[in-house]
Amino acid sequence: MKLLTFRSFKGISLGIKIESGVLDVRGAAQALERDDVPVTPAAFFTRGLDHLPDLISLVDEALPHAEGAPWILDEETLQFGPCLFNPEKILCVGLNYRRHAAESGAQVPEVPVLFSKFNNALAGHNEDVPLPTVAKQYDYEVELGVVIGRTGKYISEDEALDYVLGYCNANDLSARDLQMRTNQWLLGKTPDKFCPTGPYLVTADEVGDPQKLATKSWLNGELRQNSSTADMVFTVAQVISYASQYMRLRAGDLILTGTPEGVILGMKEKVWMKPGDISSIEIEKLGTLTNKMVAEV
């Protein structure tokens, strides 16, 4: 199942991509008198895997009535939101691809390097990203985003993927001059809208093995990153298990699992992103996420 969020006069809405368009969960549930279905992103993501069967049954019931229904929307007309809103945690993993560590001049870490972004950084597909005037060295990072589907702590590696609701594209945009100002990376990682996600959150059953996904990014149409999640130092299961030893992971949490080689930081001649540049990232099975950089107003 491909889930998405979109903005409308009703606020932030939950949608499901189907063959004929996007099913508006709120509209379909009201039309079919389904009181058991979570109709907002907040209601769904806080319980994740527990609510997934409700959405599946809604789609099964709605499909025979989909033709001409007002709750089937044209995806091209939608204003996408981030894949999820208001996660309790946005955890990120640094230097988690071997070739990216090499291009950065860093050693391959012995344990996952965890840092965070905040909710202010969330943005959606096709949403403009303002480049703050306090920095100059703007970079892109294609990353596999992992959305947790149920709460857990002290999760074993063997069970870790059972806690995953789904996966999404994430662009871990970075202001490198702010990131490298101190040995704490936070400042350069969480300016407003520096964590676009989308366009879809694809449920884990449709993605399969998260360590066998092609990862690509383009800047203004030029291919910059072209790798695979197979190059991860720590697998998705290992990252989930490791983080859960120190904090309780909750349904709706987002984990960004690192970027492969090909970022501007690793180039000999560094031409940083500027207003007007378009960054697109694509992970196999998850669609393409595109954002335009704009001047901060």
Foldseek 3Di string as FASTA:
>chain_A
DWKFWFQDPVGIWIWDQDPQAIAGQVQLCVVVVPPPADTHLVSDQQQAPVRVVVVVVSCVVCVVVPVPDPRGDHNVPTHTFAQGADFPFEKEWEQFFPQACVLLVHDRDPATDIDGEDRQQEGEFAAADADDPVADFKKKFKWKKWFFNFKDALDALVCQCVRTQFIKIWIQIFRVVCQVPDVHRHVGRYDGNNIYIDRTTDGDVQVDQQQAKWKWKDKQRHTQDTGTSVRTNAGPSRVRNVVRHPDMHGRGYMYTYYGHDRMLSSDPDRDHDDAQMKMWMDMPPGDIGIYGYHHDD
